[in-house]
């Protein structure tokens, strides 16, 4: 998956028209949205199919976690399932990348 070239963590966030609040609270939320958008653009999934994945993830996490996962955490969980189900990535590759990103974030923040 290739994100748009001008997509960076320092990019300004789109603003909601209703309350002038950022649509995304953090850069990773915007990236998660962009990944799914790119999957649909490249026809790896349809939007109705994505809606099913997201709905299933929301239902599953609400039954188990009782609202401890944020909407975009649920979004990422649904994306992981879609990537694995479509054979685009295996679960180990996903977890390896997540761990790499967490390590990078710790280095950037000095933790």
Protein backbone atom coordinates (compact mmCIF):
# COMPACT_ATOMS: atom_id res chain seq x y z
CA UNK A 1 0.00 0.00 0.00
CA UNK A 2 1.34 3.38 -0.93
CA UNK A 3 0.13 6.50 0.81
CA UNK A 4 -0.11 9.72 -1.17
CA UNK A 5 3.27 11.47 -1.43
CA UNK A 6 2.06 14.59 0.34
CA UNK A 7 0.68 12.61 3.28
CA UNK A 8 2.76 13.20 6.40
CA UNK A 9 2.30 13.27 10.13
CA UNK A 10 2.81 17.03 10.13
CA UNK A 11 0.09 17.68 7.56
CA UNK A 12 -2.76 19.90 8.68
CA UNK A 13 -5.90 18.00 9.50
CA UNK A 14 -9.25 18.47 7.81
CA UNK A 15 -11.74 20.35 9.94
CA UNK A 16 -15.32 19.35 10.52
CA UNK A 17 -17.81 21.96 9.34
CA UNK A 18 -20.13 21.45 12.30
CA UNK A 19 -17.87 22.30 15.20
CA UNK A 20 -14.53 23.38 13.71
CA UNK A 21 -12.86 20.46 15.49
CA UNK A 22 -10.22 18.39 13.71
CA UNK A 23 -11.70 15.34 12.01
CA UNK A 24 -8.75 13.29 13.30
CA UNK A 25 -7.39 13.68 16.82
CA UNK A 26 -3.97 12.20 16.05
CA UNK A 27 -1.81 11.59 12.96
CA UNK A 28 -2.23 7.81 13.17
CA UNK A 29 -6.01 8.15 12.87
CA UNK A 30 -5.59 10.08 9.62
CA UNK A 31 -3.16 7.45 8.33
CA UNK A 32 -5.53 4.63 9.27
CA UNK A 33 -8.30 6.35 7.33
CA UNK A 34 -5.99 6.91 4.35
CA UNK A 35 -4.99 3.23 4.26
CA UNK A 36 -8.60 2.08 4.00
CA UNK A 37 -9.33 4.78 1.45
CA UNK A 38 -6.38 3.54 -0.63
CA UNK A 39 -7.57 -0.07 -0.33
CA UNK A 40 -10.93 0.97 -1.76
CA UNK A 41 -9.33 3.15 -4.45
CA UNK A 42 -7.16 0.22 -5.56
CA UNK A 43 -10.28 -1.99 -5.52
CA UNK A 44 -9.01 -4.37 -2.84
CA UNK A 45 -12.41 -3.86 -1.17
CA UNK A 46 -15.65 -2.04 -1.76
CA UNK A 47 -17.03 0.54 0.64
CA UNK A 48 -20.03 -1.68 1.51
CA UNK A 49 -17.59 -4.53 2.22
CA UNK A 50 -15.50 -2.20 4.42
CA UNK A 51 -18.65 -1.13 6.26
CA UNK A 52 -19.33 -4.79 7.09
CA UNK A 53 -15.79 -5.27 8.44
CA UNK A 54 -16.00 -2.12 10.55
CA UNK A 55 -19.48 -2.94 11.85
CA UNK A 56 -18.37 -6.42 12.84
CA UNK A 57 -15.31 -5.06 14.62
CA UNK A 58 -17.34 -2.48 16.52
CA UNK A 59 -19.85 -5.12 17.63
CA UNK A 60 -17.09 -7.53 18.67
CA UNK A 61 -15.11 -4.98 20.67
CA UNK A 62 -18.17 -3.54 22.37
CA UNK A 63 -19.18 -7.01 23.54
CA UNK A 64 -15.72 -7.74 24.93
CA UNK A 65 -14.18 -4.38 25.86
CA UNK A 66 -17.24 -2.28 26.74
CA UNK A 67 -16.09 0.85 24.90
CA UNK A 68 -12.40 0.69 25.84
CA UNK A 69 -11.35 0.81 22.17
CA UNK A 70 -11.70 4.13 20.39
CA UNK A 71 -13.43 4.35 17.03
CA UNK A 72 -10.12 4.43 15.17
CA UNK A 73 -8.72 1.54 17.22
CA UNK A 74 -11.76 -0.38 15.99
CA UNK A 75 -11.05 0.96 12.49
CA UNK A 76 -7.50 -0.44 12.65
CA UNK A 77 -8.76 -3.79 13.96
CA UNK A 78 -11.19 -4.05 11.05
CA UNK A 79 -8.44 -3.07 8.61
CA UNK A 80 -6.16 -5.80 9.99
CA UNK A 81 -8.88 -8.40 9.46
CA UNK A 82 -9.57 -7.16 5.93
CA UNK A 83 -5.86 -7.25 5.00
CA UNK A 84 -5.51 -10.81 6.31
CA UNK A 85 -8.78 -12.05 4.77
CA UNK A 86 -7.83 -10.60 1.39
CA UNK A 87 -4.37 -12.19 1.59
CA UNK A 88 -2.69 -8.79 1.29
CA UNK A 89 -0.73 -9.19 4.54
CA UNK A 90 -0.39 -11.92 7.12
CA UNK A 91 -1.05 -11.23 10.78
CA UNK A 92 2.62 -11.62 11.71
CA UNK A 93 3.64 -8.95 9.19
CA UNK A 94 1.04 -6.60 10.64
CA UNK A 95 2.21 -7.14 14.23
CA UNK A 96 5.86 -6.76 13.20
CA UNK A 97 5.09 -3.41 11.56
CA UNK A 98 3.06 -2.24 14.57
CA UNK A 99 5.97 -3.07 16.88
CA UNK A 100 8.40 -1.22 14.57
CA UNK A 101 6.18 1.86 14.56
CA UNK A 102 5.86 1.79 18.36
CA UNK A 103 9.65 1.54 18.70
CA UNK A 104 10.10 4.50 16.32
CA UNK A 105 7.57 6.52 18.29
CA UNK A 106 9.40 5.81 21.56
CA UNK A 107 12.68 6.96 20.00
CA UNK A 108 11.08 10.13 18.67
CA UNK A 109 9.62 10.99 22.07
CA UNK A 110 12.60 9.86 24.10
CA UNK A 111 10.70 7.17 26.04
